[in-house]
Amino acid sequence: TLRRSGDRLITKTSNAPARSGCMPS
């Protein structure tokens, strides 16, 4: 997933269950 820090885009890693059941989703 993404978050913004100033003018930069930075990735985040989430382990929350996805609707599809896929990992990664």
mmCIF file of all heavy atoms, coordinates in Angstrom:
data_MODEL
# 
_entry.id   MODEL 
# 
loop_
_atom_site.group_PDB 
_atom_site.id 
_atom_site.type_symbol 
_atom_site.label_atom_id 
_atom_site.label_alt_id 
_atom_site.label_comp_id 
_atom_site.label_asym_id 
_atom_site.label_entity_id 
_atom_site.label_seq_id 
_atom_site.pdbx_PDB_ins_code 
_atom_site.Cartn_x 
_atom_site.Cartn_y 
_atom_site.Cartn_z 
_atom_site.occupancy 
_atom_site.B_iso_or_equiv 
_atom_site.pdbx_formal_charge 
_atom_site.auth_seq_id 
_atom_site.auth_comp_id 
_atom_site.auth_asym_id 
_atom_site.auth_atom_id 
_atom_site.pdbx_PDB_model_num 
ATOM 1   N N   . THR A 1 1  ? 0.850   -1.184  0.000  1.00 0.00 ? 1  THR A N   1 
ATOM 2   C CA  . THR A 1 1  ? 0.000   0.000   0.000  1.00 0.00 ? 1  THR A CA  1 
ATOM 3   C C   . THR A 1 1  ? 0.886   1.234   0.000  1.00 0.00 ? 1  THR A C   1 
ATOM 4   O O   . THR A 1 1  ? 2.114   1.125   0.148  1.00 0.00 ? 1  THR A O   1 
ATOM 5   C CB  . THR A 1 1  ? -0.947  0.023   1.214  1.00 0.00 ? 1  THR A CB  1 
ATOM 6   O OG1 . THR A 1 1  ? -0.164  0.083   2.419  1.00 0.00 ? 1  THR A OG1 1 
ATOM 7   C CG2 . THR A 1 1  ? -1.826  -1.225  1.246  1.00 0.00 ? 1  THR A CG2 1 
ATOM 8   N N   . LEU A 1 2  ? 0.274   2.403   -0.138 1.00 0.00 ? 2  LEU A N   1 
ATOM 9   C CA  . LEU A 1 2  ? 1.039   3.649   -0.246 1.00 0.00 ? 2  LEU A CA  1 
ATOM 10  C C   . LEU A 1 2  ? 0.646   4.649   0.827  1.00 0.00 ? 2  LEU A C   1 
ATOM 11  O O   . LEU A 1 2  ? -0.498  4.681   1.281  1.00 0.00 ? 2  LEU A O   1 
ATOM 12  C CB  . LEU A 1 2  ? 0.813   4.301   -1.609 1.00 0.00 ? 2  LEU A CB  1 
ATOM 13  C CG  . LEU A 1 2  ? 1.556   3.781   -2.836 1.00 0.00 ? 2  LEU A CG  1 
ATOM 14  C CD1 . LEU A 1 2  ? 1.298   4.712   -4.009 1.00 0.00 ? 2  LEU A CD1 1 
ATOM 15  C CD2 . LEU A 1 2  ? 3.038   3.631   -2.588 1.00 0.00 ? 2  LEU A CD2 1 
ATOM 16  N N   . ARG A 1 3  ? 1.604   5.489   1.211  1.00 0.00 ? 3  ARG A N   1 
ATOM 17  C CA  . ARG A 1 3  ? 1.342   6.687   1.993  1.00 0.00 ? 3  ARG A CA  1 
ATOM 18  C C   . ARG A 1 3  ? 2.183   7.809   1.413  1.00 0.00 ? 3  ARG A C   1 
ATOM 19  O O   . ARG A 1 3  ? 3.143   7.565   0.675  1.00 0.00 ? 3  ARG A O   1 
ATOM 20  C CB  . ARG A 1 3  ? 1.671   6.476   3.469  1.00 0.00 ? 3  ARG A CB  1 
ATOM 21  C CG  . ARG A 1 3  ? 3.151   6.225   3.758  1.00 0.00 ? 3  ARG A CG  1 
ATOM 22  C CD  . ARG A 1 3  ? 3.369   6.025   5.246  1.00 0.00 ? 3  ARG A CD  1 
ATOM 23  N NE  . ARG A 1 3  ? 4.758   5.696   5.550  1.00 0.00 ? 3  ARG A NE  1 
ATOM 24  C CZ  . ARG A 1 3  ? 5.701   6.610   5.793  1.00 0.00 ? 3  ARG A CZ  1 
ATOM 25  N NH1 . ARG A 1 3  ? 5.397   7.921   5.747  1.00 0.00 ? 3  ARG A NH1 1 
ATOM 26  N NH2 . ARG A 1 3  ? 6.943   6.239   6.072  1.00 0.00 ? 3  ARG A NH2 1 
ATOM 27  N N   . ARG A 1 4  ? 1.805   9.032   1.723  1.00 0.00 ? 4  ARG A N   1 
ATOM 28  C CA  . ARG A 1 4  ? 2.550   10.175  1.220  1.00 0.00 ? 4  ARG A CA  1 
ATOM 29  C C   . ARG A 1 4  ? 3.303   10.833  2.368  1.00 0.00 ? 4  ARG A C   1 
ATOM 30  O O   . ARG A 1 4  ? 2.758   11.025  3.464  1.00 0.00 ? 4  ARG A O   1 
ATOM 31  C CB  . ARG A 1 4  ? 1.605   11.181  0.566  1.00 0.00 ? 4  ARG A CB  1 
ATOM 32  C CG  . ARG A 1 4  ? 2.328   12.261  -0.238 1.00 0.00 ? 4  ARG A CG  1 
ATOM 33  C CD  . ARG A 1 4  ? 1.339   13.239  -0.871 1.00 0.00 ? 4  ARG A CD  1 
ATOM 34  N NE  . ARG A 1 4  ? 0.532   12.625  -1.905 1.00 0.00 ? 4  ARG A NE  1 
ATOM 35  C CZ  . ARG A 1 4  ? 0.931   12.483  -3.161 1.00 0.00 ? 4  ARG A CZ  1 
ATOM 36  N NH1 . ARG A 1 4  ? 2.141   12.865  -3.534 1.00 0.00 ? 4  ARG A NH1 1 
ATOM 37  N NH2 . ARG A 1 4  ? 0.121   11.941  -4.046 1.00 0.00 ? 4  ARG A NH2 1 
ATOM 38  N N   . SER A 1 5  ? 4.565   11.160  2.121  1.00 0.00 ? 5  SER A N   1 
ATOM 39  C CA  . SER A 1 5  ? 5.382   11.877  3.088  1.00 0.00 ? 5  SER A CA  1 
ATOM 40  C C   . SER A 1 5  ? 6.010   13.067  2.370  1.00 0.00 ? 5  SER A C   1 
ATOM 41  O O   . SER A 1 5  ? 6.975   12.911  1.612  1.00 0.00 ? 5  SER A O   1 
ATOM 42  C CB  . SER A 1 5  ? 6.472   10.962  3.662  1.00 0.00 ? 5  SER A CB  1 
ATOM 43  O OG  . SER A 1 5  ? 7.318   11.671  4.546  1.00 0.00 ? 5  SER A OG  1 
ATOM 44  N N   . GLY A 1 6  ? 5.426   14.235  2.560  1.00 0.00 ? 6  GLY A N   1 
ATOM 45  C CA  . GLY A 1 6  ? 5.875   15.402  1.821  1.00 0.00 ? 6  GLY A CA  1 
ATOM 46  C C   . GLY A 1 6  ? 5.588   15.210  0.352  1.00 0.00 ? 6  GLY A C   1 
ATOM 47  O O   . GLY A 1 6  ? 4.449   14.954  -0.043 1.00 0.00 ? 6  GLY A O   1 
ATOM 48  N N   . ASP A 1 7  ? 6.608   15.296  -0.473 1.00 0.00 ? 7  ASP A N   1 
ATOM 49  C CA  . ASP A 1 7  ? 6.404   15.096  -1.913 1.00 0.00 ? 7  ASP A CA  1 
ATOM 50  C C   . ASP A 1 7  ? 6.802   13.682  -2.347 1.00 0.00 ? 7  ASP A C   1 
ATOM 51  O O   . ASP A 1 7  ? 6.916   13.410  -3.541 1.00 0.00 ? 7  ASP A O   1 
ATOM 52  C CB  . ASP A 1 7  ? 7.202   16.136  -2.708 1.00 0.00 ? 7  ASP A CB  1 
ATOM 53  C CG  . ASP A 1 7  ? 8.700   16.047  -2.446 1.00 0.00 ? 7  ASP A CG  1 
ATOM 54  O OD1 . ASP A 1 7  ? 9.101   15.278  -1.534 1.00 0.00 ? 7  ASP A OD1 1 
ATOM 55  O OD2 . ASP A 1 7  ? 9.468   16.748  -3.137 1.00 0.00 ? 7  ASP A OD2 1 
ATOM 56  N N   . ARG A 1 8  ? 6.980   12.800  -1.393 1.00 0.00 ? 8  ARG A N   1 
ATOM 57  C CA  . ARG A 1 8  ? 7.390   11.439  -1.709 1.00 0.00 ? 8  ARG A CA  1 
ATOM 58  C C   . ARG A 1 8  ? 6.249   10.455  -1.480 1.00 0.00 ? 8  ARG A C   1 
ATOM 59  O O   . ARG A 1 8  ? 5.420   10.632  -0.580 1.00 0.00 ? 8  ARG A O   1 
ATOM 60  C CB  . ARG A 1 8  ? 8.591   11.019  -0.854 1.00 0.00 ? 8  ARG A CB  1 
ATOM 61  C CG  . ARG A 1 8  ? 9.835   11.861  -1.050 1.00 0.00 ? 8  ARG A CG  1 
ATOM 62  C CD  . ARG A 1 8  ? 11.023  11.253  -0.325 1.00 0.00 ? 8  ARG A CD  1 
ATOM 63  N NE  . ARG A 1 8  ? 10.747  11.044  1.100  1.00 0.00 ? 8  ARG A NE  1 
ATOM 64  C CZ  . ARG A 1 8  ? 11.552  10.373  1.925  1.00 0.00 ? 8  ARG A CZ  1 
ATOM 65  N NH1 . ARG A 1 8  ? 12.680  9.828   1.454  1.00 0.00 ? 8  ARG A NH1 1 
ATOM 66  N NH2 . ARG A 1 8  ? 11.244  10.222  3.201  1.00 0.00 ? 8  ARG A NH2 1 
ATOM 67  N N   . LEU A 1 9  ? 6.221   9.414   -2.298 1.00 0.00 ? 9  LEU A N   1 
ATOM 68  C CA  . LEU A 1 9  ? 5.311   8.298   -2.094 1.00 0.00 ? 9  LEU A CA  1 
ATOM 69  C C   . LEU A 1 9  ? 6.108   7.144   -1.506 1.00 0.00 ? 9  LEU A C   1 
ATOM 70  O O   . LEU A 1 9  ? 7.167   6.773   -2.037 1.00 0.00 ? 9  LEU A O   1 
ATOM 71  C CB  . LEU A 1 9  ? 4.670   7.875   -3.419 1.00 0.00 ? 9  LEU A CB  1 
ATOM 72  C CG  . LEU A 1 9  ? 3.725   8.888   -4.068 1.00 0.00 ? 9  LEU A CG  1 
ATOM 73  C CD1 . LEU A 1 9  ? 3.276   8.394   -5.438 1.00 0.00 ? 9  LEU A CD1 1 
ATOM 74  C CD2 . LEU A 1 9  ? 2.516   9.142   -3.173 1.00 0.00 ? 9  LEU A CD2 1 
ATOM 75  N N   . ILE A 1 10 ? 5.597   6.578   -0.417 1.00 0.00 ? 10 ILE A N   1 
ATOM 76  C CA  . ILE A 1 10 ? 6.329   5.551   0.322  1.00 0.00 ? 10 ILE A CA  1 
ATOM 77  C C   . ILE A 1 10 ? 5.416   4.347   0.542  1.00 0.00 ? 10 ILE A C   1 
ATOM 78  O O   . ILE A 1 10 ? 4.220   4.497   0.825  1.00 0.00 ? 10 ILE A O   1 
ATOM 79  C CB  . ILE A 1 10 ? 6.807   6.103   1.678  1.00 0.00 ? 10 ILE A CB  1 
ATOM 80  C CG1 . ILE A 1 10 ? 7.754   7.289   1.435  1.00 0.00 ? 10 ILE A CG1 1 
ATOM 81  C CG2 . ILE A 1 10 ? 7.503   5.023   2.498  1.00 0.00 ? 10 ILE A CG2 1 
ATOM 82  C CD1 . ILE A 1 10 ? 8.196   7.985   2.699  1.00 0.00 ? 10 ILE A CD1 1 
ATOM 83  N N   . THR A 1 11 ? 5.974   3.158   0.398  1.00 0.00 ? 11 THR A N   1 
ATOM 84  C CA  . THR A 1 11 ? 5.161   1.955   0.550  1.00 0.00 ? 11 THR A CA  1 
ATOM 85  C C   . THR A 1 11 ? 5.001   1.575   2.019  1.00 0.00 ? 11 THR A C   1 
ATOM 86  O O   . THR A 1 11 ? 5.864   1.813   2.857  1.00 0.00 ? 11 THR A O   1 
ATOM 87  C CB  . THR A 1 11 ? 5.781   0.758   -0.196 1.00 0.00 ? 11 THR A CB  1 
ATOM 88  O OG1 . THR A 1 11 ? 7.058   0.451   0.368  1.00 0.00 ? 11 THR A OG1 1 
ATOM 89  C CG2 . THR A 1 11 ? 5.923   1.055   -1.675 1.00 0.00 ? 11 THR A CG2 1 
ATOM 90  N N   . LYS A 1 12 ? 3.837   0.982   2.283  1.00 0.00 ? 12 LYS A N   1 
ATOM 91  C CA  . LYS A 1 12 ? 3.541   0.372   3.574  1.00 0.00 ? 12 LYS A CA  1 
ATOM 92  C C   . LYS A 1 12 ? 3.175   -1.083  3.307  1.00 0.00 ? 12 LYS A C   1 
ATOM 93  O O   . LYS A 1 12 ? 2.650   -1.405  2.242  1.00 0.00 ? 12 LYS A O   1 
ATOM 94  C CB  . LYS A 1 12 ? 2.368   1.083   4.257  1.00 0.00 ? 12 LYS A CB  1 
ATOM 95  C CG  . LYS A 1 12 ? 2.626   2.512   4.636  1.00 0.00 ? 12 LYS A CG  1 
ATOM 96  C CD  . LYS A 1 12 ? 1.323   3.182   5.086  1.00 0.00 ? 12 LYS A CD  1 
ATOM 97  C CE  . LYS A 1 12 ? 0.651   2.438   6.231  1.00 0.00 ? 12 LYS A CE  1 
ATOM 98  N NZ  . LYS A 1 12 ? -0.609  3.097   6.667  1.00 0.00 ? 12 LYS A NZ  1 
ATOM 99  N N   . THR A 1 13 ? 3.452   -1.933  4.252  1.00 0.00 ? 13 THR A N   1 
ATOM 100 C CA  . THR A 1 13 ? 3.080   -3.339  4.115  1.00 0.00 ? 13 THR A CA  1 
ATOM 101 C C   . THR A 1 13 ? 1.943   -3.653  5.079  1.00 0.00 ? 13 THR A C   1 
ATOM 102 O O   . THR A 1 13 ? 2.039   -3.373  6.275  1.00 0.00 ? 13 THR A O   1 
ATOM 103 C CB  . THR A 1 13 ? 4.268   -4.263  4.419  1.00 0.00 ? 13 THR A CB  1 
ATOM 104 O OG1 . THR A 1 13 ? 5.342   -3.958  3.525  1.00 0.00 ? 13 THR A OG1 1 
ATOM 105 C CG2 . THR A 1 13 ? 3.874   -5.721  4.230  1.00 0.00 ? 13 THR A CG2 1 
ATOM 106 N N   . SER A 1 14 ? 0.868   -4.183  4.533  1.00 0.00 ? 14 SER A N   1 
ATOM 107 C CA  . SER A 1 14 ? -0.296  -4.522  5.348  1.00 0.00 ? 14 SER A CA  1 
ATOM 108 C C   . SER A 1 14 ? -0.528  -6.034  5.319  1.00 0.00 ? 14 SER A C   1 
ATOM 109 O O   . SER A 1 14 ? -0.403  -6.670  4.277  1.00 0.00 ? 14 SER A O   1 
ATOM 110 C CB  . SER A 1 14 ? -1.547  -3.809  4.818  1.00 0.00 ? 14 SER A CB  1 
ATOM 111 O OG  . SER A 1 14 ? -2.710  -4.309  5.436  1.00 0.00 ? 14 SER A OG  1 
ATOM 112 N N   . ASN A 1 15 ? -0.867  -6.580  6.473  1.00 0.00 ? 15 ASN A N   1 
ATOM 113 C CA  . ASN A 1 15 ? -1.188  -8.005  6.571  1.00 0.00 ? 15 ASN A CA  1 
ATOM 114 C C   . ASN A 1 15 ? -2.669  -8.231  6.857  1.00 0.00 ? 15 ASN A C   1 
ATOM 115 O O   . ASN A 1 15 ? -3.079  -9.353  7.144  1.00 0.00 ? 15 ASN A O   1 
ATOM 116 C CB  . ASN A 1 15 ? -0.356  -8.667  7.669  1.00 0.00 ? 15 ASN A CB  1 
ATOM 117 C CG  . ASN A 1 15 ? 1.137   -8.576  7.410  1.00 0.00 ? 15 ASN A CG  1 
ATOM 118 O OD1 . ASN A 1 15 ? 1.851   -7.874  8.109  1.00 0.00 ? 15 ASN A OD1 1 
ATOM 119 N ND2 . ASN A 1 15 ? 1.601   -9.269  6.381  1.00 0.00 ? 15 ASN A ND2 1 
ATOM 120 N N   . ALA A 1 16 ? -3.459  -7.160  6.773  1.00 0.00 ? 16 ALA A N   1 
ATOM 121 C CA  . ALA A 1 16 ? -4.886  -7.274  7.036  1.00 0.00 ? 16 ALA A CA  1 
ATOM 122 C C   . ALA A 1 16 ? -5.524  -8.208  6.008  1.00 0.00 ? 16 ALA A C   1 
ATOM 123 O O   . ALA A 1 16 ? -5.181  -8.158  4.823  1.00 0.00 ? 16 ALA A O   1 
ATOM 124 C CB  . ALA A 1 16 ? -5.547  -5.896  6.978  1.00 0.00 ? 16 ALA A CB  1 
ATOM 125 N N   . PRO A 1 17 ? -6.451  -9.056  6.438  1.00 0.00 ? 17 PRO A N   1 
ATOM 126 C CA  . PRO A 1 17 ? -7.100  -9.956  5.481  1.00 0.00 ? 17 PRO A CA  1 
ATOM 127 C C   . PRO A 1 17 ? -7.773  -9.181  4.364  1.00 0.00 ? 17 PRO A C   1 
ATOM 128 O O   . PRO A 1 17 ? -8.448  -8.175  4.604  1.00 0.00 ? 17 PRO A O   1 
ATOM 129 C CB  . PRO A 1 17 ? -8.138  -10.695 6.350  1.00 0.00 ? 17 PRO A CB  1 
ATOM 130 C CG  . PRO A 1 17 ? -7.608  -10.590 7.741  1.00 0.00 ? 17 PRO A CG  1 
ATOM 131 C CD  . PRO A 1 17 ? -6.927  -9.259  7.825  1.00 0.00 ? 17 PRO A CD  1 
ATOM 132 N N   . ALA A 1 18 ? -7.569  -9.624  3.133  1.00 0.00 ? 18 ALA A N   1 
ATOM 133 C CA  . ALA A 1 18 ? -8.201  -8.979  1.984  1.00 0.00 ? 18 ALA A CA  1 
ATOM 134 C C   . ALA A 1 18 ? -9.501  -9.688  1.649  1.00 0.00 ? 18 ALA A C   1 
ATOM 135 O O   . ALA A 1 18 ? -9.673  -10.874 1.937  1.00 0.00 ? 18 ALA A O   1 
ATOM 136 C CB  . ALA A 1 18 ? -7.262  -9.019  0.776  1.00 0.00 ? 18 ALA A CB  1 
ATOM 137 N N   . ARG A 1 19 ? -10.430 -8.958  1.013  1.00 0.00 ? 19 ARG A N   1 
ATOM 138 C CA  . ARG A 1 19 ? -11.719 -9.554  0.644  1.00 0.00 ? 19 ARG A CA  1 
ATOM 139 C C   . ARG A 1 19 ? -11.526 -10.771 -0.245 1.00 0.00 ? 19 ARG A C   1 
ATOM 140 O O   . ARG A 1 19 ? -12.255 -11.749 -0.159 1.00 0.00 ? 19 ARG A O   1 
ATOM 141 C CB  . ARG A 1 19 ? -12.579 -8.523  -0.086 1.00 0.00 ? 19 ARG A CB  1 
ATOM 142 C CG  . ARG A 1 19 ? -12.862 -7.253  0.696  1.00 0.00 ? 19 ARG A CG  1 
ATOM 143 C CD  . ARG A 1 19 ? -13.674 -6.274  -0.151 1.00 0.00 ? 19 ARG A CD  1 
ATOM 144 N NE  . ARG A 1 19 ? -13.748 -4.960  0.454  1.00 0.00 ? 19 ARG A NE  1 
ATOM 145 C CZ  . ARG A 1 19 ? -12.885 -3.992  0.233  1.00 0.00 ? 19 ARG A CZ  1 
ATOM 146 N NH1 . ARG A 1 19 ? -11.863 -4.190  -0.574 1.00 0.00 ? 19 ARG A NH1 1 
ATOM 147 N NH2 . ARG A 1 19 ? -13.040 -2.828  0.824  1.00 0.00 ? 19 ARG A NH2 1 
ATOM 148 N N   . SER A 1 20 ? -10.543 -10.699 -1.123 1.00 0.00 ? 20 SER A N   1 
ATOM 149 C CA  . SER A 1 20 ? -10.309 -11.785 -2.073 1.00 0.00 ? 20 SER A CA  1 
ATOM 150 C C   . SER A 1 20 ? -9.673  -13.000 -1.435 1.00 0.00 ? 20 SER A C   1 
ATOM 151 O O   . SER A 1 20 ? -9.671  -14.087 -2.011 1.00 0.00 ? 20 SER A O   1 
ATOM 152 C CB  . SER A 1 20 ? -9.403  -11.285 -3.201 1.00 0.00 ? 20 SER A CB  1 
ATOM 153 O OG  . SER A 1 20 ? -8.116  -10.945 -2.683 1.00 0.00 ? 20 SER A OG  1 
ATOM 154 N N   . GLY A 1 21 ? -9.077  -12.816 -0.266 1.00 0.00 ? 21 GLY A N   1 
ATOM 155 C CA  . GLY A 1 21 ? -8.343  -13.901 0.374  1.00 0.00 ? 21 GLY A CA  1 
ATOM 156 C C   . GLY A 1 21 ? -6.932  -14.038 -0.150 1.00 0.00 ? 21 GLY A C   1 
ATOM 157 O O   . GLY A 1 21 ? -6.191  -14.927 0.280  1.00 0.00 ? 21 GLY A O   1 
ATOM 158 N N   . CYS A 1 22 ? -6.535  -13.182 -1.093 1.00 0.00 ? 22 CYS A N   1 
ATOM 159 C CA  . CYS A 1 22 ? -5.209  -13.260 -1.708 1.00 0.00 ? 22 CYS A CA  1 
ATOM 160 C C   . CYS A 1 22 ? -4.164  -12.559 -0.840 1.00 0.00 ? 22 CYS A C   1 
ATOM 161 O O   . CYS A 1 22 ? -4.451  -11.580 -0.160 1.00 0.00 ? 22 CYS A O   1 
ATOM 162 C CB  . CYS A 1 22 ? -5.221  -12.620 -3.092 1.00 0.00 ? 22 CYS A CB  1 
ATOM 163 S SG  . CYS A 1 22 ? -6.348  -13.389 -4.261 1.00 0.00 ? 22 CYS A SG  1 
ATOM 164 N N   . MET A 1 23 ? -2.952  -13.059 -0.894 1.00 0.00 ? 23 MET A N   1 
ATOM 165 C CA  . MET A 1 23 ? -1.814  -12.439 -0.227 1.00 0.00 ? 23 MET A CA  1 
ATOM 166 C C   . MET A 1 23 ? -0.609  -12.574 -1.138 1.00 0.00 ? 23 MET A C   1 
ATOM 167 O O   . MET A 1 23 ? -0.091  -13.684 -1.294 1.00 0.00 ? 23 MET A O   1 
ATOM 168 C CB  . MET A 1 23 ? -1.545  -13.102 1.126  1.00 0.00 ? 23 MET A CB  1 
ATOM 169 C CG  . MET A 1 23 ? -0.381  -12.490 1.887  1.00 0.00 ? 23 MET A CG  1 
ATOM 170 S SD  . MET A 1 23 ? -0.715  -10.817 2.447  1.00 0.00 ? 23 MET A SD  1 
ATOM 171 C CE  . MET A 1 23 ? -1.733  -11.158 3.913  1.00 0.00 ? 23 MET A CE  1 
ATOM 172 N N   . PRO A 1 24 ? -0.159  -11.489 -1.787 1.00 0.00 ? 24 PRO A N   1 
ATOM 173 C CA  . PRO A 1 24 ? -0.687  -10.126 -1.683 1.00 0.00 ? 24 PRO A CA  1 
ATOM 174 C C   . PRO A 1 24 ? -1.949  -9.940  -2.529 1.00 0.00 ? 24 PRO A C   1 
ATOM 175 O O   . PRO A 1 24 ? -2.207  -10.731 -3.439 1.00 0.00 ? 24 PRO A O   1 
ATOM 176 C CB  . PRO A 1 24 ? 0.458   -9.280  -2.221 1.00 0.00 ? 24 PRO A CB  1 
ATOM 177 C CG  . PRO A 1 24 ? 1.105   -10.164 -3.246 1.00 0.00 ? 24 PRO A CG  1 
ATOM 178 C CD  . PRO A 1 24 ? 1.010   -11.561 -2.676 1.00 0.00 ? 24 PRO A CD  1 
ATOM 179 N N   . SER A 1 25 ? -2.703  -8.876  -2.226 1.00 0.00 ? 25 SER A N   1 
ATOM 180 C CA  . SER A 1 25 ? -3.933  -8.582  -2.942 1.00 0.00 ? 25 SER A CA  1 
ATOM 181 C C   . SER A 1 25 ? -3.815  -7.268  -3.700 1.00 0.00 ? 25 SER A C   1 
ATOM 182 O O   . SER A 1 25 ? -3.151  -6.333  -3.246 1.00 0.00 ? 25 SER A O   1 
ATOM 183 C CB  . SER A 1 25 ? -5.101  -8.508  -1.953 1.00 0.00 ? 25 SER A CB  1 
ATOM 184 O OG  . SER A 1 25 ? -6.264  -8.008  -2.567 1.00 0.00 ? 25 SER A OG  1 
# 
